[in-house]
Amino acid sequence: MSWGWDYLPSEQHVTAGVPAGFLAAVEQRAAELVRAAEALYLDGTSYQGSGEPMRYLDVASGLIAYYVVPRLELVVVCQLTPPPTP
């Protein structure tokens, strides 16, 4: 396996109505999260712990809710809160 990221339950559900600029920042940050998780869990498939809790990250004045699933070598983005529109 190799590390990656995905939306849950689906890209269409999570990204509905999100501005394109914010979405680009989210996808860039998700790729950074994958690289960090890959460095932290060198062999995620053999991970024996209970897993990580949901985390929140500020991105471009908005918010990402995500969690890391080491055994699947996957970063899961569950919710996006775009910045308020003026």
PDB file of N, CA and C in Angstrom:
ATOM      1  N   MET A   1       0.836  -1.187   0.000  1.00  0.00           N
ATOM      2  CA  MET A   1       0.000   0.000   0.000  1.00  0.00           C
ATOM      3  C   MET A   1       0.876   1.242   0.000  1.00  0.00           C
ATOM      4  N   SER A   2       0.286   2.335  -0.379  1.00  0.00           N
ATOM      5  CA  SER A   2       0.966   3.611  -0.253  1.00  0.00           C
ATOM      6  C   SER A   2      -0.044   4.636   0.267  1.00  0.00           C
ATOM      7  N   TRP A   3       0.454   5.606   0.987  1.00  0.00           N
ATOM      8  CA  TRP A   3      -0.381   6.597   1.620  1.00  0.00           C
ATOM      9  C   TRP A   3      -1.124   7.451   0.604  1.00  0.00           C
ATOM     10  N   GLY A   4      -2.312   7.866   0.990  1.00  0.00           N
ATOM     11  CA  GLY A   4      -3.114   8.754   0.171  1.00  0.00           C
ATOM     12  C   GLY A   4      -4.155   9.434   1.048  1.00  0.00           C
ATOM     13  N   TRP A   5      -5.034  10.178   0.407  1.00  0.00           N
ATOM     14  CA  TRP A   5      -6.123  10.822   1.142  1.00  0.00           C
ATOM     15  C   TRP A   5      -7.388  10.751   0.313  1.00  0.00           C
ATOM     16  N   ASP A   6      -8.526  10.889   0.994  1.00  0.00           N
ATOM     17  CA  ASP A   6      -9.814  10.819   0.309  1.00  0.00           C
ATOM     18  C   ASP A   6     -10.863  11.542   1.143  1.00  0.00           C
ATOM     19  N   TYR A   7     -11.981  11.842   0.520  1.00  0.00           N
ATOM     20  CA  TYR A   7     -13.124  12.439   1.202  1.00  0.00           C
ATOM     21  C   TYR A   7     -14.055  11.325   1.681  1.00  0.00           C
ATOM     22  N   LEU A   8     -14.729  11.571   2.829  1.00  0.00           N
ATOM     23  CA  LEU A   8     -15.694  10.609   3.337  1.00  0.00           C
ATOM     24  C   LEU A   8     -16.935  11.376   3.775  1.00  0.00           C
ATOM     25  N   PRO A   9     -18.107  11.077   3.329  1.00  0.00           N
ATOM     26  CA  PRO A   9     -18.496   9.870   2.622  1.00  0.00           C
ATOM     27  C   PRO A   9     -18.186   9.899   1.129  1.00  0.00           C
ATOM     28  N   SER A  10     -18.112  11.101   0.529  1.00  0.00           N
ATOM     29  CA  SER A  10     -17.730  11.193  -0.882  1.00  0.00           C
ATOM     30  C   SER A  10     -17.239  12.609  -1.159  1.00  0.00           C
ATOM     31  N   GLU A  11     -16.483  12.756  -2.233  1.00  0.00           N
ATOM     32  CA  GLU A  11     -16.000  14.084  -2.612  1.00  0.00           C
ATOM     33  C   GLU A  11     -17.179  15.018  -2.872  1.00  0.00           C
ATOM     34  N   GLN A  12     -18.167  14.532  -3.579  1.00  0.00           N
ATOM     35  CA  GLN A  12     -19.326  15.345  -3.924  1.00  0.00           C
ATOM     36  C   GLN A  12     -20.039  15.849  -2.663  1.00  0.00           C
ATOM     37  N   HIS A  13     -20.181  14.995  -1.674  1.00  0.00           N
ATOM     38  CA  HIS A  13     -20.867  15.370  -0.437  1.00  0.00           C
ATOM     39  C   HIS A  13     -20.058  16.397   0.362  1.00  0.00           C
ATOM     40  N   VAL A  14     -18.774  16.158   0.515  1.00  0.00           N
ATOM     41  CA  VAL A  14     -17.942  17.010   1.374  1.00  0.00           C
ATOM     42  C   VAL A  14     -17.656  18.368   0.726  1.00  0.00           C
ATOM     43  N   THR A  15     -17.484  18.395  -0.585  1.00  0.00           N
ATOM     44  CA  THR A  15     -17.072  19.632  -1.247  1.00  0.00           C
ATOM     45  C   THR A  15     -18.224  20.449  -1.828  1.00  0.00           C
ATOM     46  N   ALA A  16     -19.446  20.019  -1.666  1.00  0.00           N
ATOM     47  CA  ALA A  16     -20.596  20.729  -2.238  1.00  0.00           C
ATOM     48  C   ALA A  16     -20.639  22.186  -1.769  1.00  0.00           C
ATOM     49  N   GLY A  17     -20.642  23.103  -2.725  1.00  0.00           N
ATOM     50  CA  GLY A  17     -20.759  24.521  -2.420  1.00  0.00           C
ATOM     51  C   GLY A  17     -19.496  25.201  -1.922  1.00  0.00           C
ATOM     52  N   VAL A  18     -18.382  24.502  -1.916  1.00  0.00           N
ATOM     53  CA  VAL A  18     -17.134  25.067  -1.420  1.00  0.00           C
ATOM     54  C   VAL A  18     -16.454  25.849  -2.548  1.00  0.00           C
ATOM     55  N   PRO A  19     -16.001  27.081  -2.291  1.00  0.00           N
ATOM     56  CA  PRO A  19     -15.330  27.858  -3.326  1.00  0.00           C
ATOM     57  C   PRO A  19     -14.062  27.159  -3.843  1.00  0.00           C
ATOM     58  N   ALA A  20     -13.794  27.319  -5.125  1.00  0.00           N
ATOM     59  CA  ALA A  20     -12.668  26.632  -5.770  1.00  0.00           C
ATOM     60  C   ALA A  20     -11.328  26.987  -5.137  1.00  0.00           C
ATOM     61  N   GLY A  21     -11.122  28.239  -4.763  1.00  0.00           N
ATOM     62  CA  GLY A  21      -9.862  28.645  -4.140  1.00  0.00           C
ATOM     63  C   GLY A  21      -9.629  27.960  -2.810  1.00  0.00           C
ATOM     64  N   PHE A  22     -10.677  27.866  -2.012  1.00  0.00           N
ATOM     65  CA  PHE A  22     -10.573  27.183  -0.726  1.00  0.00           C
ATOM     66  C   PHE A  22     -10.325  25.695  -0.936  1.00  0.00           C
ATOM     67  N   LEU A  23     -10.998  25.110  -1.907  1.00  0.00           N
ATOM     68  CA  LEU A  23     -10.831  23.687  -2.199  1.00  0.00           C
ATOM     69  C   LEU A  23      -9.399  23.376  -2.625  1.00  0.00           C
ATOM     70  N   ALA A  24      -8.800  24.240  -3.409  1.00  0.00           N
ATOM     71  CA  ALA A  24      -7.400  24.051  -3.818  1.00  0.00           C
ATOM     72  C   ALA A  24      -6.479  24.073  -2.599  1.00  0.00           C
ATOM     73  N   ALA A  25      -6.729  24.990  -1.653  1.00  0.00           N
ATOM     74  CA  ALA A  25      -5.927  25.052  -0.428  1.00  0.00           C
ATOM     75  C   ALA A  25      -6.121  23.803   0.416  1.00  0.00           C
ATOM     76  N   VAL A  26      -7.348  23.290   0.470  1.00  0.00           N
ATOM     77  CA  VAL A  26      -7.644  22.069   1.221  1.00  0.00           C
ATOM     78  C   VAL A  26      -6.879  20.891   0.628  1.00  0.00           C
ATOM     79  N   GLU A  27      -6.912  20.749  -0.682  1.00  0.00           N
ATOM     80  CA  GLU A  27      -6.244  19.614  -1.326  1.00  0.00           C
ATOM     81  C   GLU A  27      -4.727  19.689  -1.161  1.00  0.00           C
ATOM     82  N   GLN A  28      -4.181  20.899  -1.170  1.00  0.00           N
ATOM     83  CA  GLN A  28      -2.745  21.056  -0.925  1.00  0.00           C
ATOM     84  C   GLN A  28      -2.408  20.648   0.508  1.00  0.00           C
ATOM     85  N   ARG A  29      -3.226  21.084   1.461  1.00  0.00           N
ATOM     86  CA  ARG A  29      -2.978  20.730   2.858  1.00  0.00           C
ATOM     87  C   ARG A  29      -3.168  19.241   3.092  1.00  0.00           C
ATOM     88  N   ALA A  30      -4.134  18.617   2.427  1.00  0.00           N
ATOM     89  CA  ALA A  30      -4.349  17.173   2.560  1.00  0.00           C
ATOM     90  C   ALA A  30      -3.116  16.413   2.080  1.00  0.00           C
ATOM     91  N   ALA A  31      -2.503  16.876   1.004  1.00  0.00           N
ATOM     92  CA  ALA A  31      -1.278  16.234   0.513  1.00  0.00           C
ATOM     93  C   ALA A  31      -0.150  16.376   1.537  1.00  0.00           C
ATOM     94  N   GLU A  32      -0.077  17.527   2.211  1.00  0.00           N
ATOM     95  CA  GLU A  32       0.925  17.714   3.265  1.00  0.00           C
ATOM     96  C   GLU A  32       0.658  16.782   4.448  1.00  0.00           C
ATOM     97  N   LEU A  33      -0.608  16.611   4.796  1.00  0.00           N
ATOM     98  CA  LEU A  33      -0.966  15.692   5.880  1.00  0.00           C
ATOM     99  C   LEU A  33      -0.571  14.265   5.546  1.00  0.00           C
ATOM    100  N   VAL A  34      -0.722  13.881   4.294  1.00  0.00           N
ATOM    101  CA  VAL A  34      -0.316  12.537   3.856  1.00  0.00           C
ATOM    102  C   VAL A  34       1.185  12.362   4.044  1.00  0.00           C
ATOM    103  N   ARG A  35       1.961  13.352   3.629  1.00  0.00           N
ATOM    104  CA  ARG A  35       3.423  13.248   3.781  1.00  0.00           C
ATOM    105  C   ARG A  35       3.818  13.154   5.248  1.00  0.00           C
ATOM    106  N   ALA A  36       3.141  13.917   6.114  1.00  0.00           N
ATOM    107  CA  ALA A  36       3.440  13.871   7.550  1.00  0.00           C
ATOM    108  C   ALA A  36       3.077  12.508   8.146  1.00  0.00           C
ATOM    109  N   ALA A  37       1.924  11.982   7.781  1.00  0.00           N
ATOM    110  CA  ALA A  37       1.495  10.678   8.293  1.00  0.00           C
ATOM    111  C   ALA A  37       2.431   9.573   7.808  1.00  0.00           C
ATOM    112  N   GLU A  38       2.860   9.685   6.566  1.00  0.00           N
ATOM    113  CA  GLU A  38       3.780   8.696   6.000  1.00  0.00           C
ATOM    114  C   GLU A  38       5.101   8.677   6.760  1.00  0.00           C
ATOM    115  N   ALA A  39       5.566   9.853   7.178  1.00  0.00           N
ATOM    116  CA  ALA A  39       6.804   9.940   7.953  1.00  0.00           C
ATOM    117  C   ALA A  39       6.609   9.431   9.379  1.00  0.00           C
ATOM    118  N   LEU A  40       5.434   9.667   9.956  1.00  0.00           N
ATOM    119  CA  LEU A  40       5.158   9.244  11.328  1.00  0.00           C
ATOM    120  C   LEU A  40       4.922   7.742  11.430  1.00  0.00           C
ATOM    121  N   TYR A  41       4.181   7.188  10.485  1.00  0.00           N
ATOM    122  CA  TYR A  41       3.861   5.756  10.483  1.00  0.00           C
ATOM    123  C   TYR A  41       4.586   5.111   9.310  1.00  0.00           C
ATOM    124  N   LEU A  42       5.826   4.734   9.526  1.00  0.00           N
ATOM    125  CA  LEU A  42       6.649   4.207   8.431  1.00  0.00           C
ATOM    126  C   LEU A  42       6.032   2.986   7.770  1.00  0.00           C
ATOM    127  N   ASP A  43       5.404   2.129   8.558  1.00  0.00           N
ATOM    128  CA  ASP A  43       4.671   0.993   7.995  1.00  0.00           C
ATOM    129  C   ASP A  43       3.285   0.987   8.623  1.00  0.00           C
ATOM    130  N   GLY A  44       2.415   1.787   8.067  1.00  0.00           N
ATOM    131  CA  GLY A  44       1.082   1.941   8.628  1.00  0.00           C
ATOM    132  C   GLY A  44       0.287   0.657   8.677  1.00  0.00           C
ATOM    133  N   THR A  45       0.512  -0.240   7.733  1.00  0.00           N
ATOM    134  CA  THR A  45      -0.263  -1.476   7.680  1.00  0.00           C
ATOM    135  C   THR A  45      -0.030  -2.362   8.899  1.00  0.00           C
ATOM    136  N   SER A  46       1.085  -2.185   9.584  1.00  0.00           N
ATOM    137  CA  SER A  46       1.355  -2.995  10.770  1.00  0.00           C
ATOM    138  C   SER A  46       1.013  -2.248  12.064  1.00  0.00           C
ATOM    139  N   TYR A  47       0.390  -1.088  11.957  1.00  0.00           N
ATOM    140  CA  TYR A  47       0.028  -0.294  13.129  1.00  0.00           C
ATOM    141  C   TYR A  47      -0.939  -1.078  14.009  1.00  0.00           C
ATOM    142  N   GLN A  48      -0.691  -1.066  15.337  1.00  0.00           N
ATOM    143  CA  GLN A  48      -1.507  -1.843  16.272  1.00  0.00           C
ATOM    144  C   GLN A  48      -2.317  -0.992  17.240  1.00  0.00           C
ATOM    145  N   GLY A  49      -2.170   0.328  17.184  1.00  0.00           N
ATOM    146  CA  GLY A  49      -2.875   1.193  18.131  1.00  0.00           C
ATOM    147  C   GLY A  49      -4.349   1.340  17.794  1.00  0.00           C
ATOM    148  N   SER A  50      -5.023   2.184  18.582  1.00  0.00           N
ATOM    149  CA  SER A  50      -6.461   2.378  18.401  1.00  0.00           C
ATOM    150  C   SER A  50      -6.791   3.406  17.324  1.00  0.00           C
ATOM    151  N   GLY A  51      -5.828   4.053  16.777  1.00  0.00           N
ATOM    152  CA  GLY A  51      -6.083   5.059  15.752  1.00  0.00           C
ATOM    153  C   GLY A  51      -6.140   6.447  16.355  1.00  0.00           C
ATOM    154  N   GLU A  52      -6.150   7.420  15.503  1.00  0.00           N
ATOM    155  CA  GLU A  52      -6.139   8.807  15.942  1.00  0.00           C
ATOM    156  C   GLU A  52      -7.556   9.373  16.012  1.00  0.00           C
ATOM    157  N   PRO A  53      -7.752  10.362  16.881  1.00  0.00           N
ATOM    158  CA  PRO A  53      -9.063  11.018  16.948  1.00  0.00           C
ATOM    159  C   PRO A  53      -9.228  11.998  15.780  1.00  0.00           C
ATOM    160  N   MET A  54     -10.434  12.476  15.614  1.00  0.00           N
ATOM    161  CA  MET A  54     -10.714  13.510  14.624  1.00  0.00           C
ATOM    162  C   MET A  54      -9.894  14.743  14.981  1.00  0.00           C
ATOM    163  N   ARG A  55      -9.338  15.363  13.960  1.00  0.00           N
ATOM    164  CA  ARG A  55      -8.562  16.589  14.170  1.00  0.00           C
ATOM    165  C   ARG A  55      -9.128  17.683  13.282  1.00  0.00           C
ATOM    166  N   TYR A  56      -8.830  18.910  13.674  1.00  0.00           N
ATOM    167  CA  TYR A  56      -9.302  20.075  12.926  1.00  0.00           C
ATOM    168  C   TYR A  56      -8.110  20.943  12.582  1.00  0.00           C
ATOM    169  N   LEU A  57      -8.132  21.511  11.392  1.00  0.00           N
ATOM    170  CA  LEU A  57      -7.000  22.275  10.903  1.00  0.00           C
ATOM    171  C   LEU A  57      -7.498  23.526  10.204  1.00  0.00           C
ATOM    172  N   ASP A  58      -6.894  24.659  10.556  1.00  0.00           N
ATOM    173  CA  ASP A  58      -7.226  25.926   9.918  1.00  0.00           C
ATOM    174  C   ASP A  58      -6.543  25.980   8.551  1.00  0.00           C
ATOM    175  N   VAL A  59      -7.329  26.244   7.523  1.00  0.00           N
ATOM    176  CA  VAL A  59      -6.805  26.351   6.156  1.00  0.00           C
ATOM    177  C   VAL A  59      -7.459  27.542   5.479  1.00  0.00           C
ATOM    178  N   ALA A  60      -6.646  28.496   5.056  1.00  0.00           N
ATOM    179  CA  ALA A  60      -7.130  29.658   4.304  1.00  0.00           C
ATOM    180  C   ALA A  60      -8.355  30.287   4.971  1.00  0.00           C
ATOM    181  N   SER A  61      -8.294  30.478   6.276  1.00  0.00           N
ATOM    182  CA  SER A  61      -9.368  31.070   7.090  1.00  0.00           C
ATOM    183  C   SER A  61     -10.613  30.186   7.176  1.00  0.00           C
ATOM    184  N   GLY A  62     -10.514  28.950   6.737  1.00  0.00           N
ATOM    185  CA  GLY A  62     -11.591  27.981   6.870  1.00  0.00           C
ATOM    186  C   GLY A  62     -11.135  26.844   7.764  1.00  0.00           C
ATOM    187  N   LEU A  63     -11.860  25.748   7.746  1.00  0.00           N
ATOM    188  CA  LEU A  63     -11.563  24.640   8.644  1.00  0.00           C
ATOM    189  C   LEU A  63     -11.736  23.302   7.934  1.00  0.00           C
ATOM    190  N   ILE A  64     -10.823  22.365   8.232  1.00  0.00           N
ATOM    191  CA  ILE A  64     -10.903  20.989   7.742  1.00  0.00           C
ATOM    192  C   ILE A  64     -11.054  20.077   8.958  1.00  0.00           C
ATOM    193  N   ALA A  65     -11.973  19.128   8.876  1.00  0.00           N
ATOM    194  CA  ALA A  65     -12.073  18.064   9.876  1.00  0.00           C
ATOM    195  C   ALA A  65     -11.542  16.807   9.199  1.00  0.00           C
ATOM    196  N   TYR A  66     -10.555  16.159   9.830  1.00  0.00           N
ATOM    197  CA  TYR A  66      -9.927  14.985   9.220  1.00  0.00           C
ATOM    198  C   TYR A  66      -9.450  14.025  10.302  1.00  0.00           C
ATOM    199  N   TYR A  67      -9.161  12.805   9.885  1.00  0.00           N
ATOM    200  CA  TYR A  67      -8.492  11.862  10.764  1.00  0.00           C
ATOM    201  C   TYR A  67      -7.585  10.966   9.937  1.00  0.00           C
ATOM    202  N   VAL A  68      -6.643  10.323  10.619  1.00  0.00           N
ATOM    203  CA  VAL A  68      -5.653   9.463   9.974  1.00  0.00           C
ATOM    204  C   VAL A  68      -5.968   8.014  10.329  1.00  0.00           C
ATOM    205  N   VAL A  69      -5.987   7.156   9.336  1.00  0.00           N
ATOM    206  CA  VAL A  69      -6.212   5.725   9.542  1.00  0.00           C
ATOM    207  C   VAL A  69      -4.907   5.013   9.153  1.00  0.00           C
ATOM    208  N   PRO A  70      -4.011   4.804  10.125  1.00  0.00           N
ATOM    209  CA  PRO A  70      -2.699   4.237   9.793  1.00  0.00           C
ATOM    210  C   PRO A  70      -2.769   2.879   9.093  1.00  0.00           C
ATOM    211  N   ARG A  71      -3.656   1.986   9.550  1.00  0.00           N
ATOM    212  CA  ARG A  71      -3.705   0.646   8.955  1.00  0.00           C
ATOM    213  C   ARG A  71      -4.109   0.660   7.487  1.00  0.00           C
ATOM    214  N   LEU A  72      -4.864   1.666   7.087  1.00  0.00           N
ATOM    215  CA  LEU A  72      -5.257   1.805   5.683  1.00  0.00           C
ATOM    216  C   LEU A  72      -4.330   2.755   4.928  1.00  0.00           C
ATOM    217  N   GLU A  73      -3.379   3.363   5.670  1.00  0.00           N
ATOM    218  CA  GLU A  73      -2.470   4.368   5.120  1.00  0.00           C
ATOM    219  C   GLU A  73      -3.283   5.436   4.381  1.00  0.00           C
ATOM    220  N   LEU A  74      -4.210   6.050   5.139  1.00  0.00           N
ATOM    221  CA  LEU A  74      -5.167   6.963   4.548  1.00  0.00           C
ATOM    222  C   LEU A  74      -5.449   8.142   5.477  1.00  0.00           C
ATOM    223  N   VAL A  75      -5.462   9.331   4.909  1.00  0.00           N
ATOM    224  CA  VAL A  75      -5.937  10.524   5.600  1.00  0.00           C
ATOM    225  C   VAL A  75      -7.347  10.772   5.066  1.00  0.00           C
ATOM    226  N   VAL A  76      -8.319  10.880   5.961  1.00  0.00           N
ATOM    227  CA  VAL A  76      -9.722  11.020   5.574  1.00  0.00           C
ATOM    228  C   VAL A  76     -10.198  12.432   5.911  1.00  0.00           C
ATOM    229  N   VAL A  77     -10.654  13.145   4.893  1.00  0.00           N
ATOM    230  CA  VAL A  77     -11.224  14.480   5.078  1.00  0.00           C
ATOM    231  C   VAL A  77     -12.737  14.318   5.157  1.00  0.00           C
ATOM    232  N   CYS A  78     -13.319  14.709   6.302  1.00  0.00           N
ATOM    233  CA  CYS A  78     -14.745  14.460   6.560  1.00  0.00           C
ATOM    234  C   CYS A  78     -15.625  15.685   6.390  1.00  0.00           C
ATOM    235  N   GLN A  79     -15.069  16.855   6.681  1.00  0.00           N
ATOM    236  CA  GLN A  79     -15.904  18.046   6.647  1.00  0.00           C
ATOM    237  C   GLN A  79     -15.052  19.257   6.317  1.00  0.00           C
ATOM    238  N   LEU A  80     -15.613  20.156   5.516  1.00  0.00           N
ATOM    239  CA  LEU A  80     -14.966  21.415   5.183  1.00  0.00           C
ATOM    240  C   LEU A  80     -15.872  22.564   5.615  1.00  0.00           C
ATOM    241  N   THR A  81     -15.272  23.552   6.259  1.00  0.00           N
ATOM    242  CA  THR A  81     -15.990  24.761   6.601  1.00  0.00           C
ATOM    243  C   THR A  81     -15.255  25.908   5.933  1.00  0.00           C
ATOM    244  N   PRO A  82     -15.779  26.396   4.809  1.00  0.00           N
ATOM    245  CA  PRO A  82     -15.079  27.465   4.098  1.00  0.00           C
ATOM    246  C   PRO A  82     -15.124  28.764   4.885  1.00  0.00           C
ATOM    247  N   PRO A  83     -14.234  29.696   4.550  1.00  0.00           N
ATOM    248  CA  PRO A  83     -14.258  30.992   5.234  1.00  0.00           C
ATOM    249  C   PRO A  83     -15.556  31.728   4.930  1.00  0.00           C
ATOM    250  N   PRO A  84     -15.963  32.603   5.837  1.00  0.00           N
ATOM    251  CA  PRO A  84     -17.192  33.358   5.582  1.00  0.00           C
ATOM    252  C   PRO A  84     -17.022  34.261   4.362  1.00  0.00           C
ATOM    253  N   THR A  85     -18.100  34.437   3.633  1.00  0.00           N
ATOM    254  CA  THR A  85     -18.055  35.326   2.470  1.00  0.00           C
ATOM    255  C   THR A  85     -18.440  36.737   2.912  1.00  0.00           C
ATOM    256  N   PRO A  86     -17.729  37.718   2.400  1.00  0.00           N
ATOM    257  CA  PRO A  86     -18.017  39.109   2.818  1.00  0.00           C
ATOM    258  C   PRO A  86     -19.334  39.612   2.271  1.00  0.00           C
TER     259      PRO A  86
END
